[in-house]
Amino acid sequence: MSSFEEELLQDEQETAREIAFIRERLPMDLKEQYNDEQLRWMLDTIVDYYVDSGILDSDDDEIDIDLEEVSQHVCEQAKKEGRAALDPQDVFFVVEADLDFQEENL
């Protein structure tokens, strides 16, 4: 297997672990609301937000991330792309769990 294929496989495995982690953290009523494809899209959109906002370019030891702003961005992107309407309060739990996952796996 080429190193590129190995990287893709590792990335897919990491995403699967993160989705499982997020599902564990979601409130009971939200656990079944999103399928894996929707969560994967949300995770990609969250990363896009971090890249586009410049948050990842900061040299600060601690970065203040407004989870509500990120949640709102995900909902706005879903609307722009013609996806199902998302509730920012529900998406907040996904954004929060994503951040928790990232912090635990640094």
C-alpha atoms as a PDB file:
ATOM      1  CA  MET A   1       0.000   0.000   0.000  1.00  0.00           C
ATOM      2  CA  SER A   2       1.366   3.440  -0.880  1.00  0.00           C
ATOM      3  CA  SER A   3       1.982   6.008   1.812  1.00  0.00           C
ATOM      4  CA  PHE A   4      -0.814   8.164   0.371  1.00  0.00           C
ATOM      5  CA  GLU A   5      -3.270   5.261   0.649  1.00  0.00           C
ATOM      6  CA  GLU A   6      -2.038   4.572   4.173  1.00  0.00           C
ATOM      7  CA  GLU A   7      -2.580   8.229   5.076  1.00  0.00           C
ATOM      8  CA  LEU A   8      -6.117   8.125   3.701  1.00  0.00           C
ATOM      9  CA  LEU A   9      -6.834   4.966   5.670  1.00  0.00           C
ATOM     10  CA  GLN A  10      -5.441   6.471   8.871  1.00  0.00           C
ATOM     11  CA  ASP A  11      -7.478   9.637   8.314  1.00  0.00           C
ATOM     12  CA  GLU A  12     -10.644   7.604   7.788  1.00  0.00           C
ATOM     13  CA  GLN A  13      -9.941   5.571  10.947  1.00  0.00           C
ATOM     14  CA  GLU A  14      -9.354   8.781  12.939  1.00  0.00           C
ATOM     15  CA  THR A  15     -12.624  10.221  11.649  1.00  0.00           C
ATOM     16  CA  ALA A  16     -14.471   7.027  12.611  1.00  0.00           C
ATOM     17  CA  ARG A  17     -12.995   7.245  16.148  1.00  0.00           C
ATOM     18  CA  GLU A  18     -14.009  10.883  16.377  1.00  0.00           C
ATOM     19  CA  ILE A  19     -17.558  10.168  15.216  1.00  0.00           C
ATOM     20  CA  ALA A  20     -17.848   7.414  17.839  1.00  0.00           C
ATOM     21  CA  PHE A  21     -16.511   9.843  20.461  1.00  0.00           C
ATOM     22  CA  ILE A  22     -19.042  12.504  19.427  1.00  0.00           C
ATOM     23  CA  ARG A  23     -21.920  10.015  19.539  1.00  0.00           C
ATOM     24  CA  GLU A  24     -20.946   9.135  23.129  1.00  0.00           C
ATOM     25  CA  ARG A  25     -21.076  12.825  24.099  1.00  0.00           C
ATOM     26  CA  LEU A  26     -24.322  13.799  22.394  1.00  0.00           C
ATOM     27  CA  PRO A  27     -27.483  14.106  24.483  1.00  0.00           C
ATOM     28  CA  MET A  28     -29.784  11.096  24.125  1.00  0.00           C
ATOM     29  CA  ASP A  29     -32.270  12.903  21.878  1.00  0.00           C
ATOM     30  CA  LEU A  30     -29.502  13.829  19.396  1.00  0.00           C
ATOM     31  CA  LYS A  31     -27.646  10.512  19.222  1.00  0.00           C
ATOM     32  CA  GLU A  32     -29.710   9.213  16.309  1.00  0.00           C
ATOM     33  CA  GLN A  33     -30.494  12.569  14.715  1.00  0.00           C
ATOM     34  CA  TYR A  34     -27.305  12.670  12.640  1.00  0.00           C
ATOM     35  CA  ASN A  35     -25.908   9.850  10.515  1.00  0.00           C
ATOM     36  CA  ASP A  36     -22.164   9.340  10.009  1.00  0.00           C
ATOM     37  CA  GLU A  37     -22.166  11.195   6.691  1.00  0.00           C
ATOM     38  CA  GLN A  38     -23.786  14.242   8.307  1.00  0.00           C
ATOM     39  CA  LEU A  39     -21.308  14.196  11.181  1.00  0.00           C
ATOM     40  CA  ARG A  40     -18.396  13.798   8.759  1.00  0.00           C
ATOM     41  CA  TRP A  41     -19.666  16.813   6.803  1.00  0.00           C
ATOM     42  CA  MET A  42     -19.984  18.826  10.023  1.00  0.00           C
ATOM     43  CA  LEU A  43     -16.426  17.919  11.038  1.00  0.00           C
ATOM     44  CA  ASP A  44     -15.116  19.010   7.633  1.00  0.00           C
ATOM     45  CA  THR A  45     -17.088  22.253   7.870  1.00  0.00           C
ATOM     46  CA  ILE A  46     -15.734  22.925  11.369  1.00  0.00           C
ATOM     47  CA  VAL A  47     -12.165  22.472  10.102  1.00  0.00           C
ATOM     48  CA  ASP A  48     -12.908  24.781   7.161  1.00  0.00           C
ATOM     49  CA  TYR A  49     -14.138  27.403   9.638  1.00  0.00           C
ATOM     50  CA  TYR A  50     -10.946  27.141  11.703  1.00  0.00           C
ATOM     51  CA  VAL A  51      -8.773  27.443   8.592  1.00  0.00           C
ATOM     52  CA  ASP A  52     -10.752  30.328   7.059  1.00  0.00           C
ATOM     53  CA  SER A  53     -11.020  32.266  10.329  1.00  0.00           C
ATOM     54  CA  GLY A  54      -7.261  32.172  10.939  1.00  0.00           C
ATOM     55  CA  ILE A  55      -7.653  30.520  14.336  1.00  0.00           C
ATOM     56  CA  LEU A  56      -5.096  27.873  13.389  1.00  0.00           C
ATOM     57  CA  ASP A  57      -2.545  30.568  12.512  1.00  0.00           C
ATOM     58  CA  SER A  58      -2.446  31.938  16.050  1.00  0.00           C
ATOM     59  CA  ASP A  59       0.826  31.745  17.976  1.00  0.00           C
ATOM     60  CA  ASP A  60      -0.982  32.022  21.314  1.00  0.00           C
ATOM     61  CA  ASP A  61      -0.685  29.126  23.741  1.00  0.00           C
ATOM     62  CA  GLU A  62      -4.425  29.269  24.329  1.00  0.00           C
ATOM     63  CA  ILE A  63      -6.957  30.002  21.641  1.00  0.00           C
ATOM     64  CA  ASP A  64     -10.425  31.242  22.520  1.00  0.00           C
ATOM     65  CA  ILE A  65     -12.948  29.530  20.252  1.00  0.00           C
ATOM     66  CA  ASP A  66     -16.521  30.783  20.241  1.00  0.00           C
ATOM     67  CA  LEU A  67     -18.420  27.495  19.966  1.00  0.00           C
ATOM     68  CA  GLU A  68     -21.685  29.293  19.266  1.00  0.00           C
ATOM     69  CA  GLU A  69     -20.089  31.132  16.345  1.00  0.00           C
ATOM     70  CA  VAL A  70     -18.721  27.873  14.941  1.00  0.00           C
ATOM     71  CA  SER A  71     -22.132  26.228  15.359  1.00  0.00           C
ATOM     72  CA  GLN A  72     -23.810  29.105  13.547  1.00  0.00           C
ATOM     73  CA  HIS A  73     -21.268  28.841  10.730  1.00  0.00           C
ATOM     74  CA  VAL A  74     -22.013  25.126  10.290  1.00  0.00           C
ATOM     75  CA  CYS A  75     -25.736  25.878  10.085  1.00  0.00           C
ATOM     76  CA  GLU A  76     -25.171  28.681   7.563  1.00  0.00           C
ATOM     77  CA  GLN A  77     -23.017  26.418   5.394  1.00  0.00           C
ATOM     78  CA  ALA A  78     -25.688  23.709   5.483  1.00  0.00           C
ATOM     79  CA  LYS A  79     -28.237  26.239   4.252  1.00  0.00           C
ATOM     80  CA  LYS A  80     -25.890  27.518   1.502  1.00  0.00           C
ATOM     81  CA  GLU A  81     -25.273  23.953   0.309  1.00  0.00           C
ATOM     82  CA  GLY A  82     -28.968  23.042   0.321  1.00  0.00           C
ATOM     83  CA  ARG A  83     -28.603  20.531   3.134  1.00  0.00           C
ATOM     84  CA  ALA A  84     -31.237  19.857   5.764  1.00  0.00           C
ATOM     85  CA  ALA A  85     -31.774  22.753   8.157  1.00  0.00           C
ATOM     86  CA  LEU A  86     -29.690  22.432  11.298  1.00  0.00           C
ATOM     87  CA  ASP A  87     -30.409  23.871  14.717  1.00  0.00           C
ATOM     88  CA  PRO A  88     -27.400  25.793  16.084  1.00  0.00           C
ATOM     89  CA  GLN A  89     -28.212  24.595  19.608  1.00  0.00           C
ATOM     90  CA  ASP A  90     -28.005  20.973  18.461  1.00  0.00           C
ATOM     91  CA  VAL A  91     -24.895  21.544  16.353  1.00  0.00           C
ATOM     92  CA  PHE A  92     -23.259  23.174  19.389  1.00  0.00           C
ATOM     93  CA  PHE A  93     -22.992  19.726  21.011  1.00  0.00           C
ATOM     94  CA  VAL A  94     -21.168  18.381  17.951  1.00  0.00           C
ATOM     95  CA  VAL A  95     -18.778  21.354  17.886  1.00  0.00           C
ATOM     96  CA  GLU A  96     -18.113  21.001  21.609  1.00  0.00           C
ATOM     97  CA  ALA A  97     -17.486  17.252  21.330  1.00  0.00           C
ATOM     98  CA  ASP A  98     -15.170  17.837  18.352  1.00  0.00           C
ATOM     99  CA  LEU A  99     -13.119  20.285  20.404  1.00  0.00           C
ATOM    100  CA  ASP A 100     -13.017  17.847  23.332  1.00  0.00           C
ATOM    101  CA  PHE A 101     -11.813  15.103  21.006  1.00  0.00           C
ATOM    102  CA  GLN A 102      -9.103  17.346  19.568  1.00  0.00           C
ATOM    103  CA  GLU A 103      -7.917  18.369  23.035  1.00  0.00           C
ATOM    104  CA  GLU A 104      -7.772  14.767  24.245  1.00  0.00           C
ATOM    105  CA  ASN A 105      -5.858  13.632  21.171  1.00  0.00           C
ATOM    106  CA  LEU A 106      -3.184  16.317  20.882  1.00  0.00           C
END
